[in-house]
Each structure stands twice: as C-alpha cells, then as structure tokens.
Amino acid sequence: MARIAGVNIPTAKRTIIALQYIHGIGPKFAKEICEKVGIPAERRVNQLTDAEVLQIREAIDKDYTVEGDLRREVQQNIKRLMDLGCYRGLRHRKGLPVRGQRTHTNARTRKGKAVAIAGKKKATK
C-alpha cells in the first residue's frame, strides 16, 4: 500500500482515482500530477515503481496544499471571518447556511436535528 501525504491510497485502483483519496486533490489535480510525473492514465497503483511513488510524493509536496495544511488554512479563513464579525462570519458562528440558502424550511444539515418546541400546538382551521 502506497502512502502519500500521510494517506494510505488504495493499491488496486488506477493512479488518477487513488490520488483523489488525498484531501485537496480532485480529478483535475490528479490528472495534472500524473502528467507531470509521466504516468499513463490506465496505470494502477500496485504497478508503480518506488521511484514513481517518490516522484508523485515530491510533486504533491512541492506544488499543492493538501491534508492537514489545507484543513488548517480553511479553518483559519473561517476563524478570520468570525473575528471580523462580517455577515459570513456571523452565519458560521450561528451554525446557519453561509451562502444565501433559505432556512424557513430545509437547512437541516447545517442547523442540526429539528427540536420540538414545548407547548406549541399545530394551528387547526
């Protein structure tokens, strides 16, 4: 099993697909990395030589922000917004959707499980 950027990537999958298991590398960057290193698209991880794995590791370390560094950077950006007190920061602080979605209905992913209000009865007509 190859270990790149602190992640064990699956050996049976194609290299482009396996690289996407690393946080911060999607289809575009995975393809870009394989082209830089010179690995064919249909090559699987278990067919890679140690030198090729090392080249991939070096290319990622040199050119991309991945895993822990990326997560830290995103958290710092969110914290900065919250400290500024801007609208997006307030939405993050309250745990509400940040990008303009409605909250009257839906938004359950962001708001969490619905909580029943004690003593409130449904209005009957």
N, C-alpha and C. Protein backbone atom coordinates (compact mmCIF):
# COMPACT_ATOMS: atom_id res chain seq x y z
N MET A 1 0.84 -1.19 0.00
CA MET A 1 0.00 0.00 0.00
C MET A 1 0.89 1.25 0.00
N ALA A 2 0.64 2.12 -0.97
CA ALA A 2 1.44 3.35 -1.09
C ALA A 2 0.93 4.39 -0.10
N ARG A 3 1.85 5.11 0.52
CA ARG A 3 1.50 6.16 1.47
C ARG A 3 2.00 7.50 0.93
N ILE A 4 1.05 8.36 0.58
CA ILE A 4 1.39 9.66 0.02
C ILE A 4 0.67 10.73 0.84
N ALA A 5 1.41 11.75 1.27
CA ALA A 5 0.87 12.88 2.05
C ALA A 5 0.15 12.40 3.31
N GLY A 6 0.67 11.32 3.91
CA GLY A 6 0.09 10.81 5.15
C GLY A 6 -1.19 10.02 4.97
N VAL A 7 -1.51 9.63 3.73
CA VAL A 7 -2.73 8.87 3.44
C VAL A 7 -2.36 7.57 2.75
N ASN A 8 -2.91 6.46 3.21
CA ASN A 8 -2.73 5.19 2.53
C ASN A 8 -3.68 5.16 1.34
N ILE A 9 -3.13 5.19 0.14
CA ILE A 9 -4.01 5.18 -1.03
C ILE A 9 -4.20 3.74 -1.49
N PRO A 10 -5.41 3.40 -1.99
CA PRO A 10 -5.70 2.03 -2.38
C PRO A 10 -4.83 1.56 -3.54
N THR A 11 -4.38 0.31 -3.48
CA THR A 11 -3.43 -0.19 -4.47
C THR A 11 -4.09 -0.73 -5.73
N ALA A 12 -5.30 -1.21 -5.64
CA ALA A 12 -5.93 -1.85 -6.80
C ALA A 12 -6.52 -0.85 -7.79
N LYS A 13 -6.67 0.40 -7.38
CA LYS A 13 -7.31 1.39 -8.24
C LYS A 13 -6.30 2.06 -9.17
N ARG A 14 -6.83 2.71 -10.23
CA ARG A 14 -5.98 3.48 -11.13
C ARG A 14 -5.38 4.65 -10.37
N THR A 15 -4.21 5.09 -10.77
CA THR A 15 -3.48 6.13 -10.05
C THR A 15 -4.28 7.42 -9.93
N ILE A 16 -4.94 7.83 -11.01
CA ILE A 16 -5.71 9.07 -11.00
C ILE A 16 -6.83 9.01 -9.97
N ILE A 17 -7.48 7.87 -9.86
CA ILE A 17 -8.57 7.69 -8.89
C ILE A 17 -8.01 7.62 -7.48
N ALA A 18 -6.92 6.89 -7.29
CA ALA A 18 -6.34 6.70 -5.96
C ALA A 18 -5.82 8.01 -5.37
N LEU A 19 -5.26 8.88 -6.21
CA LEU A 19 -4.75 10.16 -5.71
C LEU A 19 -5.86 11.05 -5.14
N GLN A 20 -7.09 10.83 -5.60
CA GLN A 20 -8.22 11.64 -5.13
C GLN A 20 -8.62 11.30 -3.70
N TYR A 21 -8.04 10.25 -3.12
CA TYR A 21 -8.29 9.93 -1.72
C TYR A 21 -7.58 10.91 -0.80
N ILE A 22 -6.66 11.70 -1.35
CA ILE A 22 -5.94 12.70 -0.58
C ILE A 22 -6.79 13.97 -0.56
N HIS A 23 -7.03 14.51 0.64
CA HIS A 23 -7.84 15.72 0.79
C HIS A 23 -7.14 16.88 0.09
N GLY A 24 -7.84 17.52 -0.85
CA GLY A 24 -7.26 18.65 -1.57
C GLY A 24 -6.85 18.30 -2.99
N ILE A 25 -6.96 17.02 -3.36
CA ILE A 25 -6.66 16.61 -4.74
C ILE A 25 -7.93 16.03 -5.35
N GLY A 26 -8.40 16.68 -6.40
CA GLY A 26 -9.59 16.22 -7.11
C GLY A 26 -9.18 15.66 -8.46
N PRO A 27 -10.16 15.44 -9.34
CA PRO A 27 -9.86 14.87 -10.66
C PRO A 27 -8.85 15.70 -11.47
N LYS A 28 -9.01 17.03 -11.44
CA LYS A 28 -8.14 17.90 -12.24
C LYS A 28 -6.69 17.81 -11.77
N PHE A 29 -6.47 17.96 -10.46
CA PHE A 29 -5.10 17.92 -9.93
C PHE A 29 -4.49 16.53 -10.06
N ALA A 30 -5.30 15.48 -9.89
CA ALA A 30 -4.79 14.12 -10.01
C ALA A 30 -4.26 13.87 -11.42
N LYS A 31 -5.03 14.33 -12.41
CA LYS A 31 -4.61 14.17 -13.81
C LYS A 31 -3.35 14.99 -14.07
N GLU A 32 -3.31 16.20 -13.53
CA GLU A 32 -2.16 17.10 -13.69
C GLU A 32 -0.89 16.47 -13.10
N ILE A 33 -1.01 15.88 -11.91
CA ILE A 33 0.13 15.25 -11.25
C ILE A 33 0.65 14.08 -12.08
N CYS A 34 -0.27 13.24 -12.57
CA CYS A 34 0.14 12.08 -13.38
C CYS A 34 0.85 12.52 -14.67
N GLU A 35 0.37 13.61 -15.26
CA GLU A 35 1.02 14.11 -16.48
C GLU A 35 2.42 14.65 -16.18
N LYS A 36 2.57 15.36 -15.05
CA LYS A 36 3.88 15.91 -14.66
C LYS A 36 4.90 14.79 -14.45
N VAL A 37 4.46 13.75 -13.76
CA VAL A 37 5.36 12.64 -13.43
C VAL A 37 5.55 11.72 -14.63
N GLY A 38 4.59 11.74 -15.56
CA GLY A 38 4.70 10.91 -16.76
C GLY A 38 4.16 9.51 -16.57
N ILE A 39 3.08 9.40 -15.82
CA ILE A 39 2.44 8.09 -15.59
C ILE A 39 1.21 8.01 -16.49
N PRO A 40 1.05 6.92 -17.24
CA PRO A 40 -0.14 6.76 -18.09
C PRO A 40 -1.42 6.68 -17.24
N ALA A 41 -2.54 7.11 -17.82
CA ALA A 41 -3.81 7.19 -17.09
C ALA A 41 -4.32 5.82 -16.62
N GLU A 42 -4.04 4.77 -17.40
CA GLU A 42 -4.59 3.44 -17.05
C GLU A 42 -3.72 2.65 -16.06
N ARG A 43 -2.58 3.22 -15.65
CA ARG A 43 -1.67 2.54 -14.73
C ARG A 43 -2.26 2.45 -13.34
N ARG A 44 -2.14 1.31 -12.69
CA ARG A 44 -2.67 1.12 -11.34
C ARG A 44 -1.57 1.35 -10.31
N VAL A 45 -1.98 1.63 -9.07
CA VAL A 45 -1.02 1.98 -8.02
C VAL A 45 -0.06 0.82 -7.75
N ASN A 46 -0.56 -0.41 -7.77
CA ASN A 46 0.32 -1.56 -7.47
C ASN A 46 1.34 -1.82 -8.59
N GLN A 47 1.18 -1.18 -9.74
CA GLN A 47 2.13 -1.32 -10.83
C GLN A 47 3.21 -0.22 -10.82
N LEU A 48 3.06 0.74 -9.91
CA LEU A 48 4.03 1.83 -9.84
C LEU A 48 5.32 1.37 -9.17
N THR A 49 6.43 1.91 -9.64
CA THR A 49 7.71 1.61 -9.00
C THR A 49 7.90 2.55 -7.81
N ASP A 50 8.84 2.22 -6.94
CA ASP A 50 9.13 3.08 -5.79
C ASP A 50 9.58 4.48 -6.23
N ALA A 51 10.32 4.54 -7.33
CA ALA A 51 10.79 5.83 -7.85
C ALA A 51 9.60 6.70 -8.29
N GLU A 52 8.61 6.08 -8.95
CA GLU A 52 7.43 6.82 -9.40
C GLU A 52 6.61 7.33 -8.22
N VAL A 53 6.46 6.49 -7.19
CA VAL A 53 5.73 6.91 -5.99
C VAL A 53 6.46 8.09 -5.34
N LEU A 54 7.78 8.02 -5.31
CA LEU A 54 8.58 9.10 -4.75
C LEU A 54 8.40 10.39 -5.56
N GLN A 55 8.37 10.27 -6.88
CA GLN A 55 8.16 11.44 -7.74
C GLN A 55 6.80 12.07 -7.49
N ILE A 56 5.77 11.23 -7.34
CA ILE A 56 4.42 11.73 -7.05
C ILE A 56 4.41 12.47 -5.72
N ARG A 57 5.04 11.85 -4.72
CA ARG A 57 5.11 12.44 -3.37
C ARG A 57 5.79 13.82 -3.42
N GLU A 58 6.91 13.90 -4.15
CA GLU A 58 7.64 15.17 -4.26
C GLU A 58 6.83 16.23 -5.01
N ALA A 59 6.14 15.81 -6.08
CA ALA A 59 5.32 16.75 -6.86
C ALA A 59 4.20 17.34 -6.00
N ILE A 60 3.57 16.50 -5.19
CA ILE A 60 2.49 16.97 -4.32
C ILE A 60 3.04 17.90 -3.25
N ASP A 61 4.16 17.52 -2.62
CA ASP A 61 4.75 18.36 -1.57
C ASP A 61 5.16 19.73 -2.10
N LYS A 62 5.67 19.75 -3.34
CA LYS A 62 6.20 20.98 -3.90
C LYS A 62 5.10 21.94 -4.36
N ASP A 63 4.06 21.41 -5.03
CA ASP A 63 3.11 22.26 -5.73
C ASP A 63 1.72 22.40 -5.12
N TYR A 64 1.34 21.54 -4.18
CA TYR A 64 -0.05 21.53 -3.71
C TYR A 64 -0.16 21.62 -2.20
N THR A 65 -1.22 22.26 -1.73
CA THR A 65 -1.55 22.29 -0.31
C THR A 65 -2.57 21.20 -0.07
N VAL A 66 -2.21 20.21 0.73
CA VAL A 66 -3.11 19.06 0.94
C VAL A 66 -3.21 18.70 2.41
N GLU A 67 -4.19 17.84 2.71
CA GLU A 67 -4.42 17.26 4.05
C GLU A 67 -4.39 18.28 5.17
N GLY A 68 -3.55 18.09 6.17
CA GLY A 68 -3.55 18.90 7.38
C GLY A 68 -3.35 20.38 7.14
N ASP A 69 -2.43 20.72 6.25
CA ASP A 69 -2.16 22.14 5.95
C ASP A 69 -3.39 22.80 5.34
N LEU A 70 -4.06 22.09 4.43
CA LEU A 70 -5.25 22.63 3.78
C LEU A 70 -6.39 22.80 4.78
N ARG A 71 -6.61 21.78 5.61
CA ARG A 71 -7.67 21.86 6.63
C ARG A 71 -7.39 23.04 7.57
N ARG A 72 -6.15 23.20 7.99
CA ARG A 72 -5.77 24.29 8.89
C ARG A 72 -6.02 25.64 8.24
N GLU A 73 -5.66 25.76 6.96
CA GLU A 73 -5.84 27.01 6.22
C GLU A 73 -7.32 27.38 6.12
N VAL A 74 -8.17 26.39 5.83
CA VAL A 74 -9.61 26.63 5.73
C VAL A 74 -10.17 27.07 7.08
N GLN A 75 -9.76 26.39 8.16
CA GLN A 75 -10.22 26.76 9.50
C GLN A 75 -9.78 28.17 9.87
N GLN A 76 -8.56 28.54 9.50
CA GLN A 76 -8.08 29.89 9.78
C GLN A 76 -8.88 30.94 9.02
N ASN A 77 -9.26 30.62 7.78
CA ASN A 77 -10.08 31.54 6.98
C ASN A 77 -11.45 31.75 7.63
N ILE A 78 -12.05 30.66 8.10
CA ILE A 78 -13.35 30.75 8.76
C ILE A 78 -13.23 31.54 10.06
N LYS A 79 -12.17 31.27 10.82
CA LYS A 79 -11.95 31.99 12.09
C LYS A 79 -11.76 33.48 11.82
N ARG A 80 -11.03 33.82 10.75
CA ARG A 80 -10.82 35.22 10.39
C ARG A 80 -12.15 35.91 10.11
N LEU A 81 -13.04 35.24 9.37
CA LEU A 81 -14.36 35.81 9.07
C LEU A 81 -15.16 36.03 10.35
N MET A 82 -15.06 35.06 11.28
CA MET A 82 -15.80 35.17 12.53
C MET A 82 -15.24 36.31 13.38
N ASP A 83 -13.93 36.48 13.42
CA ASP A 83 -13.31 37.54 14.20
C ASP A 83 -13.63 38.93 13.63
N LEU A 84 -13.73 39.01 12.31
CA LEU A 84 -14.07 40.28 11.68
C LEU A 84 -15.50 40.70 12.01
N GLY A 85 -16.36 39.70 12.23
CA GLY A 85 -17.76 40.00 12.51
C GLY A 85 -18.55 40.32 11.26
N CYS A 86 -18.05 39.90 10.09
CA CYS A 86 -18.78 40.14 8.85
C CYS A 86 -19.96 39.16 8.77
N TYR A 87 -20.83 39.37 7.80
CA TYR A 87 -22.04 38.58 7.68
C TYR A 87 -21.74 37.08 7.60
N ARG A 88 -20.79 36.72 6.75
CA ARG A 88 -20.44 35.30 6.60
C ARG A 88 -19.91 34.74 7.91
N GLY A 89 -19.13 35.55 8.63
CA GLY A 89 -18.60 35.11 9.92
C GLY A 89 -19.71 34.88 10.93
N LEU A 90 -20.71 35.75 10.94
CA LEU A 90 -21.84 35.58 11.86
C LEU A 90 -22.62 34.31 11.54
N ARG A 91 -22.79 34.05 10.25
CA ARG A 91 -23.52 32.82 9.85
C ARG A 91 -22.74 31.58 10.30
N HIS A 92 -21.42 31.61 10.15
CA HIS A 92 -20.60 30.49 10.62
C HIS A 92 -20.76 30.32 12.13
N ARG A 93 -20.71 31.44 12.85
CA ARG A 93 -20.79 31.41 14.32
C ARG A 93 -22.12 30.83 14.79
N LYS A 94 -23.22 31.18 14.10
CA LYS A 94 -24.55 30.70 14.48
C LYS A 94 -24.84 29.30 13.97
N GLY A 95 -23.99 28.79 13.08
CA GLY A 95 -24.21 27.45 12.52
C GLY A 95 -25.33 27.42 11.49
N LEU A 96 -25.49 28.51 10.76
CA LEU A 96 -26.52 28.60 9.72
C LEU A 96 -25.86 28.57 8.34
N PRO A 97 -26.64 28.33 7.28
CA PRO A 97 -26.06 28.34 5.93
C PRO A 97 -25.41 29.68 5.62
N VAL A 98 -24.25 29.63 4.97
CA VAL A 98 -23.44 30.82 4.74
C VAL A 98 -23.72 31.44 3.38
N ARG A 99 -24.16 30.65 2.42
CA ARG A 99 -24.20 31.12 1.03
C ARG A 99 -25.60 31.45 0.52
N GLY A 100 -26.44 31.99 1.39
CA GLY A 100 -27.72 32.54 0.92
C GLY A 100 -28.86 31.55 0.79
N GLN A 101 -28.70 30.32 1.27
CA GLN A 101 -29.81 29.37 1.17
C GLN A 101 -30.92 29.73 2.14
N ARG A 102 -32.13 29.28 1.86
CA ARG A 102 -33.26 29.57 2.74
C ARG A 102 -33.17 28.74 4.02
N THR A 103 -33.74 29.24 5.10
CA THR A 103 -33.71 28.49 6.36
C THR A 103 -35.10 28.27 6.94
N HIS A 104 -36.14 28.84 6.32
CA HIS A 104 -37.50 28.63 6.83
C HIS A 104 -37.83 27.14 6.81
N THR A 105 -37.54 26.52 5.70
CA THR A 105 -37.59 25.05 5.63
C THR A 105 -36.20 24.61 5.19
N ASN A 106 -35.93 23.35 5.30
CA ASN A 106 -34.63 22.79 4.91
C ASN A 106 -33.50 23.32 5.80
N ALA A 107 -32.27 23.32 5.34
CA ALA A 107 -31.07 23.73 6.08
C ALA A 107 -30.80 22.82 7.27
N ARG A 108 -31.30 21.60 7.24
CA ARG A 108 -31.14 20.69 8.38
C ARG A 108 -29.70 20.22 8.54
N THR A 109 -28.95 20.14 7.46
CA THR A 109 -27.56 19.70 7.56
C THR A 109 -26.78 20.69 8.43
N ARG A 110 -27.01 21.95 8.20
CA ARG A 110 -26.28 23.00 8.90
C ARG A 110 -26.84 23.25 10.30
N LYS A 111 -28.19 23.24 10.44
CA LYS A 111 -28.82 23.59 11.71
C LYS A 111 -28.88 22.42 12.69
N GLY A 112 -28.76 21.20 12.18
CA GLY A 112 -28.85 20.03 13.06
C GLY A 112 -30.27 19.50 13.14
N LYS A 113 -30.47 18.48 13.97
CA LYS A 113 -31.78 17.84 14.08
C LYS A 113 -32.81 18.82 14.61
N ALA A 114 -34.05 18.74 14.08
CA ALA A 114 -35.12 19.64 14.49
C ALA A 114 -35.47 19.39 15.96
N VAL A 115 -35.67 20.48 16.71
CA VAL A 115 -36.01 20.38 18.12
C VAL A 115 -37.45 20.82 18.30
N ALA A 116 -38.26 19.99 18.97
CA ALA A 116 -39.67 20.32 19.20
C ALA A 116 -39.75 21.44 20.23
N ILE A 117 -40.73 22.33 20.02
CA ILE A 117 -40.94 23.43 20.96
C ILE A 117 -42.04 23.01 21.93
N ALA A 118 -41.76 23.04 23.23
CA ALA A 118 -42.71 22.59 24.24
C ALA A 118 -43.94 23.51 24.28
N GLY A 119 -45.14 22.91 24.32
CA GLY A 119 -46.37 23.68 24.48
C GLY A 119 -46.89 24.26 23.19
N LYS A 120 -46.22 24.08 22.08
CA LYS A 120 -46.70 24.62 20.82
C LYS A 120 -47.60 23.60 20.16
N LYS A 121 -48.82 24.00 19.85
CA LYS A 121 -49.78 23.13 19.18
C LYS A 121 -49.88 23.52 17.72
N LYS A 122 -50.22 22.54 16.87
CA LYS A 122 -50.41 22.84 15.46
C LYS A 122 -51.69 23.65 15.31
N ALA A 123 -51.66 24.66 14.47
CA ALA A 123 -52.84 25.50 14.25
C ALA A 123 -53.85 24.72 13.44
N THR A 124 -55.11 24.69 13.90
CA THR A 124 -56.18 23.99 13.18
C THR A 124 -57.13 25.01 12.61
N LYS A 125 -57.68 24.68 11.46
CA LYS A 125 -58.59 25.62 10.78
C LYS A 125 -60.01 25.22 11.02
